[in-house]
Amino acid sequence: MHKTVVLISITLSLFSCRSEKNLPTVGELNINQYTGKWFEIARLPNRFEKGLDCVSATYSINEDGNIEVFNQGRKFAKSNQISKITGKAWVPNTNYPGRLKVQFFWPFAGNYYVIYLNDNYTLALVGDPSRKFLWVLSKNKIVSDSDYSRLITIAKNNEFTVGNVIKINQDCQ
């Protein structure tokens, strides 16, 4: 029992001492404008989206004020099989409206930092302070080369490994 307590204490202290560089986020986020369907244009590879294309996320506001997150994507090795998951998101600190938490499995919640958002809420860059997760999102399936380059430059300036970013096929039926 004593060894277990020591091991848990060491593990917790390692996580609490983990250094993550600050990641600037948008100073204002109107959740009502943010709601709707977003298409994943590009991302850093991650295990939970491996093998998926035609990925989208639909955000809507629940009665309790939390945001419902409905993600779906097509398993491109099995072109007609759709992977779906529903979760929730919230703003834990209203002083930082661009720093959301998202949860698909209780008790685990991840960071969802809105790094960039254009004025008409049609382009967004979302990441995590660890720099392990990054998404280029758009309310349109197609993004101009200049908009895409601008978002990748913002990511690079925020120390993301943009050489690993993969573009996501959105040519779906």
N, C-alpha and C. Protein backbone atom coordinates (compact mmCIF):
# COMPACT_ATOMS: atom_id res chain seq x y z
N MET A 1 0.83 -1.19 0.00
CA MET A 1 0.00 0.00 0.00
C MET A 1 0.87 1.25 0.00
N HIS A 2 1.91 1.28 0.84
CA HIS A 2 2.79 2.44 0.93
C HIS A 2 3.48 2.71 -0.41
N LYS A 3 3.93 1.65 -1.10
CA LYS A 3 4.60 1.81 -2.39
C LYS A 3 3.64 2.41 -3.41
N THR A 4 2.37 2.01 -3.36
CA THR A 4 1.37 2.54 -4.28
C THR A 4 1.17 4.03 -4.06
N VAL A 5 1.06 4.44 -2.80
CA VAL A 5 0.89 5.86 -2.49
C VAL A 5 2.09 6.67 -2.96
N VAL A 6 3.29 6.15 -2.75
CA VAL A 6 4.51 6.84 -3.19
C VAL A 6 4.52 6.95 -4.72
N LEU A 7 4.17 5.85 -5.40
CA LEU A 7 4.15 5.86 -6.86
C LEU A 7 3.13 6.87 -7.38
N ILE A 8 1.95 6.92 -6.80
CA ILE A 8 0.93 7.88 -7.21
C ILE A 8 1.43 9.30 -6.95
N SER A 9 2.05 9.54 -5.81
CA SER A 9 2.57 10.88 -5.48
C SER A 9 3.64 11.32 -6.48
N ILE A 10 4.54 10.40 -6.83
CA ILE A 10 5.59 10.73 -7.80
C ILE A 10 4.97 11.03 -9.16
N THR A 11 4.02 10.22 -9.58
CA THR A 11 3.37 10.42 -10.87
C THR A 11 2.66 11.77 -10.91
N LEU A 12 1.90 12.09 -9.86
CA LEU A 12 1.19 13.37 -9.82
C LEU A 12 2.16 14.54 -9.83
N SER A 13 3.26 14.42 -9.12
CA SER A 13 4.22 15.53 -9.09
C SER A 13 4.89 15.71 -10.44
N LEU A 14 5.13 14.62 -11.17
CA LEU A 14 5.71 14.74 -12.50
C LEU A 14 4.77 15.47 -13.45
N PHE A 15 3.47 15.15 -13.38
CA PHE A 15 2.51 15.82 -14.24
C PHE A 15 2.34 17.28 -13.84
N SER A 16 2.34 17.58 -12.57
CA SER A 16 2.13 18.96 -12.15
C SER A 16 3.36 19.82 -12.43
N CYS A 17 4.54 19.22 -12.52
CA CYS A 17 5.76 19.97 -12.82
C CYS A 17 6.05 20.04 -14.31
N ARG A 18 5.28 19.35 -15.09
CA ARG A 18 5.49 19.33 -16.54
C ARG A 18 5.43 20.76 -17.06
N SER A 19 6.42 21.13 -17.83
CA SER A 19 6.45 22.50 -18.30
C SER A 19 5.85 22.58 -19.70
N GLU A 20 4.85 23.41 -19.84
CA GLU A 20 4.26 23.69 -21.13
C GLU A 20 4.40 25.18 -21.35
N LYS A 21 4.94 25.53 -22.50
CA LYS A 21 5.06 26.94 -22.82
C LYS A 21 3.68 27.52 -23.01
N ASN A 22 3.55 28.77 -22.67
CA ASN A 22 2.29 29.46 -22.84
C ASN A 22 1.90 29.47 -24.32
N LEU A 23 0.64 29.34 -24.60
CA LEU A 23 0.13 29.42 -25.96
C LEU A 23 -0.92 30.51 -26.02
N PRO A 24 -0.64 31.60 -26.74
CA PRO A 24 -1.61 32.69 -26.83
C PRO A 24 -2.89 32.23 -27.52
N THR A 25 -3.99 32.75 -27.05
CA THR A 25 -5.30 32.42 -27.65
C THR A 25 -6.04 33.71 -27.97
N VAL A 26 -7.15 33.56 -28.67
CA VAL A 26 -7.96 34.73 -29.00
C VAL A 26 -8.49 35.36 -27.71
N GLY A 27 -8.60 36.66 -27.71
CA GLY A 27 -9.06 37.37 -26.52
C GLY A 27 -10.56 37.40 -26.39
N GLU A 28 -11.24 37.07 -27.46
CA GLU A 28 -12.70 37.08 -27.45
C GLU A 28 -13.20 35.90 -28.27
N LEU A 29 -14.22 35.23 -27.77
CA LEU A 29 -14.80 34.10 -28.48
C LEU A 29 -16.30 34.10 -28.24
N ASN A 30 -17.05 34.37 -29.30
CA ASN A 30 -18.50 34.35 -29.24
C ASN A 30 -18.94 32.92 -29.57
N ILE A 31 -19.33 32.19 -28.55
CA ILE A 31 -19.69 30.77 -28.73
C ILE A 31 -20.85 30.62 -29.71
N ASN A 32 -21.81 31.53 -29.69
CA ASN A 32 -22.93 31.44 -30.63
C ASN A 32 -22.45 31.52 -32.07
N GLN A 33 -21.48 32.37 -32.36
CA GLN A 33 -20.94 32.47 -33.71
C GLN A 33 -20.07 31.26 -34.04
N TYR A 34 -19.44 30.69 -33.04
CA TYR A 34 -18.54 29.55 -33.26
C TYR A 34 -19.31 28.27 -33.57
N THR A 35 -20.54 28.18 -33.09
CA THR A 35 -21.32 26.95 -33.31
C THR A 35 -21.51 26.69 -34.80
N GLY A 36 -21.82 25.47 -35.11
CA GLY A 36 -22.02 25.05 -36.49
C GLY A 36 -21.03 23.97 -36.86
N LYS A 37 -21.00 23.65 -38.13
CA LYS A 37 -20.14 22.58 -38.64
C LYS A 37 -18.82 23.16 -39.14
N TRP A 38 -17.72 22.57 -38.64
CA TRP A 38 -16.37 22.93 -39.05
C TRP A 38 -15.73 21.72 -39.72
N PHE A 39 -15.03 21.97 -40.81
CA PHE A 39 -14.31 20.92 -41.52
C PHE A 39 -12.84 20.97 -41.13
N GLU A 40 -12.28 19.80 -40.91
CA GLU A 40 -10.86 19.70 -40.58
C GLU A 40 -10.07 19.76 -41.89
N ILE A 41 -9.34 20.84 -42.06
CA ILE A 41 -8.55 21.04 -43.28
C ILE A 41 -7.18 20.38 -43.15
N ALA A 42 -6.60 20.48 -41.95
CA ALA A 42 -5.28 19.88 -41.70
C ALA A 42 -5.13 19.64 -40.21
N ARG A 43 -4.16 18.78 -39.86
CA ARG A 43 -3.91 18.50 -38.45
C ARG A 43 -2.52 17.92 -38.27
N LEU A 44 -2.05 17.99 -37.05
CA LEU A 44 -0.90 17.19 -36.67
C LEU A 44 -1.42 15.77 -36.45
N PRO A 45 -0.68 14.76 -36.88
CA PRO A 45 -1.14 13.39 -36.68
C PRO A 45 -1.38 13.09 -35.20
N ASN A 46 -2.43 12.35 -34.94
CA ASN A 46 -2.73 11.91 -33.57
C ASN A 46 -3.39 10.54 -33.64
N ARG A 47 -3.32 9.82 -32.55
CA ARG A 47 -3.78 8.42 -32.55
C ARG A 47 -5.30 8.30 -32.67
N PHE A 48 -6.05 9.27 -32.16
CA PHE A 48 -7.50 9.11 -32.17
C PHE A 48 -8.14 9.48 -33.50
N GLU A 49 -7.38 10.07 -34.43
CA GLU A 49 -7.92 10.35 -35.76
C GLU A 49 -7.16 9.59 -36.85
N LYS A 50 -6.35 8.65 -36.43
CA LYS A 50 -5.54 7.89 -37.39
C LYS A 50 -6.46 7.15 -38.36
N GLY A 51 -6.17 7.29 -39.64
CA GLY A 51 -6.95 6.61 -40.66
C GLY A 51 -8.25 7.29 -41.03
N LEU A 52 -8.46 8.51 -40.57
CA LEU A 52 -9.71 9.21 -40.87
C LEU A 52 -9.48 10.34 -41.87
N ASP A 53 -10.41 10.47 -42.81
CA ASP A 53 -10.50 11.66 -43.64
C ASP A 53 -11.94 12.15 -43.58
N CYS A 54 -12.24 13.19 -44.31
CA CYS A 54 -13.59 13.76 -44.30
C CYS A 54 -14.05 14.06 -42.87
N VAL A 55 -13.13 14.58 -42.06
CA VAL A 55 -13.41 14.82 -40.64
C VAL A 55 -14.10 16.17 -40.47
N SER A 56 -15.11 16.17 -39.62
CA SER A 56 -15.80 17.41 -39.28
C SER A 56 -16.17 17.40 -37.80
N ALA A 57 -16.39 18.59 -37.29
CA ALA A 57 -16.85 18.76 -35.91
C ALA A 57 -18.02 19.73 -35.94
N THR A 58 -19.09 19.34 -35.29
CA THR A 58 -20.27 20.21 -35.21
C THR A 58 -20.45 20.61 -33.75
N TYR A 59 -20.51 21.91 -33.52
CA TYR A 59 -20.65 22.47 -32.18
C TYR A 59 -22.04 23.08 -32.04
N SER A 60 -22.69 22.77 -30.92
CA SER A 60 -24.00 23.37 -30.60
C SER A 60 -24.06 23.62 -29.10
N ILE A 61 -24.90 24.53 -28.70
CA ILE A 61 -24.99 24.89 -27.29
C ILE A 61 -26.12 24.10 -26.63
N ASN A 62 -25.79 23.43 -25.53
CA ASN A 62 -26.78 22.69 -24.74
C ASN A 62 -27.55 23.63 -23.83
N GLU A 63 -28.64 23.14 -23.28
CA GLU A 63 -29.44 23.93 -22.34
C GLU A 63 -28.64 24.36 -21.11
N ASP A 64 -27.66 23.54 -20.70
CA ASP A 64 -26.87 23.86 -19.50
C ASP A 64 -25.74 24.85 -19.79
N GLY A 65 -25.64 25.31 -21.04
CA GLY A 65 -24.62 26.28 -21.40
C GLY A 65 -23.34 25.66 -21.91
N ASN A 66 -23.17 24.35 -21.71
CA ASN A 66 -22.01 23.67 -22.26
C ASN A 66 -22.18 23.51 -23.77
N ILE A 67 -21.11 23.20 -24.42
CA ILE A 67 -21.12 23.05 -25.87
C ILE A 67 -21.09 21.56 -26.19
N GLU A 68 -22.03 21.12 -27.01
CA GLU A 68 -21.98 19.74 -27.49
C GLU A 68 -21.03 19.69 -28.67
N VAL A 69 -20.17 18.68 -28.68
CA VAL A 69 -19.20 18.49 -29.75
C VAL A 69 -19.50 17.15 -30.40
N PHE A 70 -19.83 17.20 -31.68
CA PHE A 70 -20.09 15.96 -32.43
C PHE A 70 -19.04 15.86 -33.53
N ASN A 71 -18.11 14.91 -33.38
CA ASN A 71 -17.05 14.69 -34.36
C ASN A 71 -17.37 13.46 -35.19
N GLN A 72 -17.06 13.54 -36.46
CA GLN A 72 -17.19 12.37 -37.31
C GLN A 72 -16.14 12.41 -38.41
N GLY A 73 -15.79 11.23 -38.87
CA GLY A 73 -14.82 11.09 -39.95
C GLY A 73 -15.01 9.75 -40.63
N ARG A 74 -14.50 9.68 -41.83
CA ARG A 74 -14.61 8.45 -42.61
C ARG A 74 -13.30 7.69 -42.51
N LYS A 75 -13.40 6.39 -42.26
CA LYS A 75 -12.21 5.54 -42.26
C LYS A 75 -11.85 5.28 -43.71
N PHE A 76 -10.78 5.95 -44.19
CA PHE A 76 -10.52 5.89 -45.63
C PHE A 76 -10.12 4.51 -46.12
N ALA A 77 -9.69 3.62 -45.24
CA ALA A 77 -9.40 2.25 -45.66
C ALA A 77 -10.72 1.48 -45.88
N LYS A 78 -11.78 1.96 -45.26
CA LYS A 78 -13.12 1.37 -45.40
C LYS A 78 -14.05 2.51 -45.77
N SER A 79 -14.08 2.88 -47.04
CA SER A 79 -14.64 4.15 -47.51
C SER A 79 -16.07 4.46 -47.08
N ASN A 80 -16.84 3.49 -46.69
CA ASN A 80 -18.21 3.80 -46.27
C ASN A 80 -18.41 3.75 -44.76
N GLN A 81 -17.37 3.45 -44.01
CA GLN A 81 -17.51 3.34 -42.56
C GLN A 81 -17.23 4.69 -41.91
N ILE A 82 -18.18 5.16 -41.11
CA ILE A 82 -18.07 6.45 -40.45
C ILE A 82 -17.79 6.24 -38.96
N SER A 83 -16.82 6.98 -38.45
CA SER A 83 -16.49 6.97 -37.03
C SER A 83 -17.10 8.23 -36.42
N LYS A 84 -17.86 8.07 -35.33
CA LYS A 84 -18.54 9.20 -34.70
C LYS A 84 -18.29 9.20 -33.20
N ILE A 85 -18.26 10.39 -32.62
CA ILE A 85 -18.16 10.52 -31.17
C ILE A 85 -18.77 11.85 -30.76
N THR A 86 -19.44 11.83 -29.62
CA THR A 86 -20.05 13.06 -29.08
C THR A 86 -19.43 13.35 -27.72
N GLY A 87 -19.12 14.60 -27.50
CA GLY A 87 -18.54 15.03 -26.24
C GLY A 87 -19.08 16.39 -25.86
N LYS A 88 -18.38 17.03 -24.96
CA LYS A 88 -18.80 18.37 -24.55
C LYS A 88 -17.57 19.25 -24.39
N ALA A 89 -17.79 20.54 -24.48
CA ALA A 89 -16.72 21.52 -24.28
C ALA A 89 -17.26 22.64 -23.41
N TRP A 90 -16.34 23.35 -22.76
CA TRP A 90 -16.73 24.47 -21.92
C TRP A 90 -15.53 25.40 -21.75
N VAL A 91 -15.83 26.61 -21.33
CA VAL A 91 -14.79 27.59 -21.03
C VAL A 91 -14.60 27.58 -19.51
N PRO A 92 -13.48 27.02 -19.02
CA PRO A 92 -13.30 26.90 -17.57
C PRO A 92 -13.00 28.23 -16.88
N ASN A 93 -12.46 29.19 -17.62
CA ASN A 93 -12.12 30.48 -17.02
C ASN A 93 -12.53 31.57 -18.00
N THR A 94 -13.55 32.35 -17.65
CA THR A 94 -14.06 33.37 -18.55
C THR A 94 -13.05 34.48 -18.84
N ASN A 95 -11.99 34.57 -18.04
CA ASN A 95 -10.93 35.54 -18.33
C ASN A 95 -10.12 35.12 -19.56
N TYR A 96 -10.22 33.85 -19.94
CA TYR A 96 -9.52 33.30 -21.11
C TYR A 96 -10.54 32.58 -21.99
N PRO A 97 -11.38 33.32 -22.71
CA PRO A 97 -12.46 32.69 -23.48
C PRO A 97 -11.98 31.79 -24.61
N GLY A 98 -10.75 31.94 -25.06
CA GLY A 98 -10.23 31.11 -26.14
C GLY A 98 -9.61 29.81 -25.66
N ARG A 99 -9.64 29.57 -24.35
CA ARG A 99 -9.06 28.35 -23.77
C ARG A 99 -10.18 27.45 -23.27
N LEU A 100 -10.60 26.55 -24.11
CA LEU A 100 -11.68 25.64 -23.77
C LEU A 100 -11.12 24.30 -23.31
N LYS A 101 -11.96 23.56 -22.67
CA LYS A 101 -11.71 22.15 -22.35
C LYS A 101 -12.72 21.35 -23.15
N VAL A 102 -12.28 20.19 -23.64
CA VAL A 102 -13.17 19.30 -24.36
C VAL A 102 -13.05 17.91 -23.76
N GLN A 103 -14.20 17.25 -23.65
CA GLN A 103 -14.23 15.94 -22.99
C GLN A 103 -15.09 14.98 -23.79
N PHE A 104 -14.50 13.85 -24.13
CA PHE A 104 -15.24 12.78 -24.79
C PHE A 104 -15.42 11.58 -23.88
N PHE A 105 -14.50 11.42 -22.94
CA PHE A 105 -14.56 10.32 -21.98
C PHE A 105 -14.30 10.86 -20.59
N TRP A 106 -15.25 10.71 -19.68
CA TRP A 106 -15.06 11.15 -18.30
C TRP A 106 -14.05 10.22 -17.63
N PRO A 107 -13.12 10.68 -16.87
CA PRO A 107 -12.90 12.03 -16.35
C PRO A 107 -11.87 12.83 -17.15
N PHE A 108 -11.51 12.36 -18.34
CA PHE A 108 -10.43 12.99 -19.10
C PHE A 108 -10.95 14.15 -19.93
N ALA A 109 -10.25 15.28 -19.85
CA ALA A 109 -10.58 16.46 -20.65
C ALA A 109 -9.29 17.00 -21.25
N GLY A 110 -9.37 17.43 -22.49
CA GLY A 110 -8.19 17.97 -23.16
C GLY A 110 -8.32 19.45 -23.40
N ASN A 111 -7.20 20.07 -23.70
CA ASN A 111 -7.18 21.50 -24.03
C ASN A 111 -7.63 21.71 -25.46
N TYR A 112 -8.39 22.77 -25.66
CA TYR A 112 -8.85 23.18 -26.99
C TYR A 112 -8.63 24.69 -27.02
N TYR A 113 -7.43 25.09 -27.43
CA TYR A 113 -7.05 26.50 -27.43
C TYR A 113 -7.27 27.08 -28.82
N VAL A 114 -8.13 28.07 -28.91
CA VAL A 114 -8.38 28.75 -30.18
C VAL A 114 -7.28 29.80 -30.33
N ILE A 115 -6.32 29.50 -31.19
CA ILE A 115 -5.15 30.34 -31.39
C ILE A 115 -5.45 31.48 -32.35
N TYR A 116 -6.25 31.18 -33.35
CA TYR A 116 -6.61 32.18 -34.36
C TYR A 116 -8.05 31.94 -34.77
N LEU A 117 -8.76 33.04 -35.02
CA LEU A 117 -10.14 32.99 -35.50
C LEU A 117 -10.36 34.23 -36.34
N ASN A 118 -10.80 34.05 -37.59
CA ASN A 118 -11.02 35.24 -38.40
C ASN A 118 -12.30 35.96 -37.97
N ASP A 119 -12.48 37.18 -38.44
CA ASP A 119 -13.58 38.03 -37.99
C ASP A 119 -14.96 37.44 -38.25
N ASN A 120 -15.11 36.71 -39.35
CA ASN A 120 -16.45 36.18 -39.66
C ASN A 120 -16.64 34.72 -39.20
N TYR A 121 -15.72 34.24 -38.37
CA TYR A 121 -15.84 32.90 -37.76
C TYR A 121 -15.98 31.79 -38.80
N THR A 122 -15.12 31.85 -39.81
CA THR A 122 -15.12 30.79 -40.82
C THR A 122 -13.78 30.07 -40.90
N LEU A 123 -12.73 30.60 -40.27
CA LEU A 123 -11.41 29.97 -40.22
C LEU A 123 -10.91 29.98 -38.79
N ALA A 124 -10.35 28.86 -38.36
CA ALA A 124 -9.81 28.79 -37.01
C ALA A 124 -8.56 27.92 -36.99
N LEU A 125 -7.68 28.25 -36.04
CA LEU A 125 -6.51 27.45 -35.76
C LEU A 125 -6.61 27.07 -34.29
N VAL A 126 -6.61 25.77 -34.01
CA VAL A 126 -6.82 25.27 -32.66
C VAL A 126 -5.65 24.36 -32.29
N GLY A 127 -5.19 24.49 -31.06
CA GLY A 127 -4.08 23.66 -30.63
C GLY A 127 -4.07 23.42 -29.14
N ASP A 128 -2.97 22.87 -28.68
CA ASP A 128 -2.77 22.53 -27.28
C ASP A 128 -1.41 23.10 -26.86
N PRO A 129 -1.28 23.60 -25.62
CA PRO A 129 -0.01 24.18 -25.18
C PRO A 129 1.19 23.22 -25.26
N SER A 130 0.93 21.92 -25.27
CA SER A 130 2.02 20.95 -25.40
C SER A 130 2.62 20.95 -26.80
N ARG A 131 1.89 21.56 -27.74
CA ARG A 131 2.25 21.60 -29.17
C ARG A 131 2.13 20.22 -29.84
N LYS A 132 1.48 19.27 -29.18
CA LYS A 132 1.29 17.94 -29.77
C LYS A 132 0.04 17.86 -30.65
N PHE A 133 -0.89 18.78 -30.46
CA PHE A 133 -2.15 18.76 -31.19
C PHE A 133 -2.36 20.09 -31.88
N LEU A 134 -2.78 20.03 -33.14
CA LEU A 134 -3.04 21.24 -33.92
C LEU A 134 -4.05 20.90 -35.00
N TRP A 135 -5.00 21.80 -35.19
CA TRP A 135 -6.00 21.64 -36.24
C TRP A 135 -6.21 22.95 -36.98
N VAL A 136 -6.31 22.86 -38.30
CA VAL A 136 -6.75 23.96 -39.14
C VAL A 136 -8.19 23.64 -39.48
N LEU A 137 -9.10 24.53 -39.08
CA LEU A 137 -10.54 24.29 -39.25
C LEU A 137 -11.16 25.38 -40.13
N SER A 138 -12.19 25.00 -40.85
CA SER A 138 -12.90 25.95 -41.70
C SER A 138 -14.37 25.56 -41.77
N LYS A 139 -15.22 26.55 -41.91
CA LYS A 139 -16.64 26.24 -42.11
C LYS A 139 -16.92 25.90 -43.57
N ASN A 140 -15.91 25.99 -44.39
CA ASN A 140 -15.99 25.57 -45.79
C ASN A 140 -15.02 24.41 -46.00
N LYS A 141 -15.37 23.53 -46.95
CA LYS A 141 -14.50 22.37 -47.20
C LYS A 141 -13.18 22.76 -47.87
N ILE A 142 -13.16 23.91 -48.51
CA ILE A 142 -11.98 24.34 -49.24
C ILE A 142 -11.48 25.66 -48.64
N VAL A 143 -10.17 25.74 -48.45
CA VAL A 143 -9.51 26.94 -47.93
C VAL A 143 -8.51 27.40 -48.99
N SER A 144 -8.45 28.71 -49.21
CA SER A 144 -7.49 29.23 -50.19
C SER A 144 -6.07 28.94 -49.74
N ASP A 145 -5.17 28.87 -50.69
CA ASP A 145 -3.76 28.64 -50.37
C ASP A 145 -3.21 29.74 -49.47
N SER A 146 -3.63 30.98 -49.71
CA SER A 146 -3.12 32.09 -48.89
C SER A 146 -3.63 32.00 -47.45
N ASP A 147 -4.89 31.62 -47.26
CA ASP A 147 -5.41 31.45 -45.89
C ASP A 147 -4.72 30.30 -45.19
N TYR A 148 -4.54 29.19 -45.91
CA TYR A 148 -3.87 28.03 -45.32
C TYR A 148 -2.44 28.39 -44.92
N SER A 149 -1.72 29.05 -45.80
CA SER A 149 -0.33 29.45 -45.50
C SER A 149 -0.27 30.38 -44.30
N ARG A 150 -1.24 31.29 -44.21
CA ARG A 150 -1.27 32.22 -43.07
C ARG A 150 -1.46 31.45 -41.76
N LEU A 151 -2.34 30.48 -41.74
CA LEU A 151 -2.59 29.70 -40.53
C LEU A 151 -1.38 28.84 -40.17
N ILE A 152 -0.74 28.25 -41.16
CA ILE A 152 0.45 27.45 -40.90
C ILE A 152 1.58 28.34 -40.38
N THR A 153 1.69 29.55 -40.89
CA THR A 153 2.70 30.49 -40.39
C THR A 153 2.43 30.86 -38.94
N ILE A 154 1.18 31.07 -38.60
CA ILE A 154 0.82 31.36 -37.21
C ILE A 154 1.21 30.18 -36.32
N ALA A 155 0.92 28.97 -36.78
CA ALA A 155 1.29 27.77 -36.02
C ALA A 155 2.81 27.69 -35.85
N LYS A 156 3.53 27.91 -36.92
CA LYS A 156 5.00 27.86 -36.86
C LYS A 156 5.53 28.91 -35.89
N ASN A 157 4.99 30.12 -35.94
CA ASN A 157 5.41 31.19 -35.03
C ASN A 157 5.10 30.87 -33.57
N ASN A 158 4.17 29.93 -33.36
CA ASN A 158 3.83 29.48 -32.01
C ASN A 158 4.48 28.15 -31.67
N GLU A 159 5.54 27.81 -32.43
CA GLU A 159 6.41 26.68 -32.14
C GLU A 159 5.78 25.30 -32.34
N PHE A 160 4.80 25.21 -33.23
CA PHE A 160 4.28 23.90 -33.62
C PHE A 160 5.19 23.33 -34.71
N THR A 161 5.31 22.01 -34.78
CA THR A 161 6.12 21.34 -35.80
C THR A 161 5.27 21.23 -37.06
N VAL A 162 5.25 22.30 -37.84
CA VAL A 162 4.36 22.36 -38.99
C VAL A 162 4.79 21.43 -40.13
N GLY A 163 6.02 20.97 -40.11
CA GLY A 163 6.46 20.01 -41.13
C GLY A 163 5.73 18.68 -41.04
N ASN A 164 5.11 18.41 -39.90
CA ASN A 164 4.37 17.16 -39.71
C ASN A 164 2.87 17.29 -39.99
N VAL A 165 2.42 18.51 -40.27
CA VAL A 165 0.99 18.73 -40.51
C VAL A 165 0.57 17.99 -41.78
N ILE A 166 -0.58 17.33 -41.69
CA ILE A 166 -1.13 16.62 -42.85
C ILE A 166 -2.45 17.28 -43.26
N LYS A 167 -2.62 17.43 -44.56
CA LYS A 167 -3.89 17.95 -45.08
C LYS A 167 -4.90 16.81 -45.11
N ILE A 168 -6.13 17.15 -44.85
CA ILE A 168 -7.19 16.16 -44.75
C ILE A 168 -8.10 16.22 -45.97
N ASN A 169 -8.32 15.09 -46.59
CA ASN A 169 -9.23 15.01 -47.73
C ASN A 169 -10.65 15.36 -47.26
N GLN A 170 -11.28 16.29 -47.94
CA GLN A 170 -12.67 16.63 -47.65
C GLN A 170 -13.58 16.37 -48.85
N ASP A 171 -13.07 15.65 -49.83
CA ASP A 171 -13.85 15.33 -51.02
C ASP A 171 -14.68 14.08 -50.72
N CYS A 172 -15.80 14.30 -50.03
CA CYS A 172 -16.61 13.20 -49.52
C CYS A 172 -18.03 13.30 -50.03
N GLN A 173 -18.67 12.18 -50.11
CA GLN A 173 -20.08 12.12 -50.52
C GLN A 173 -20.97 12.24 -49.32
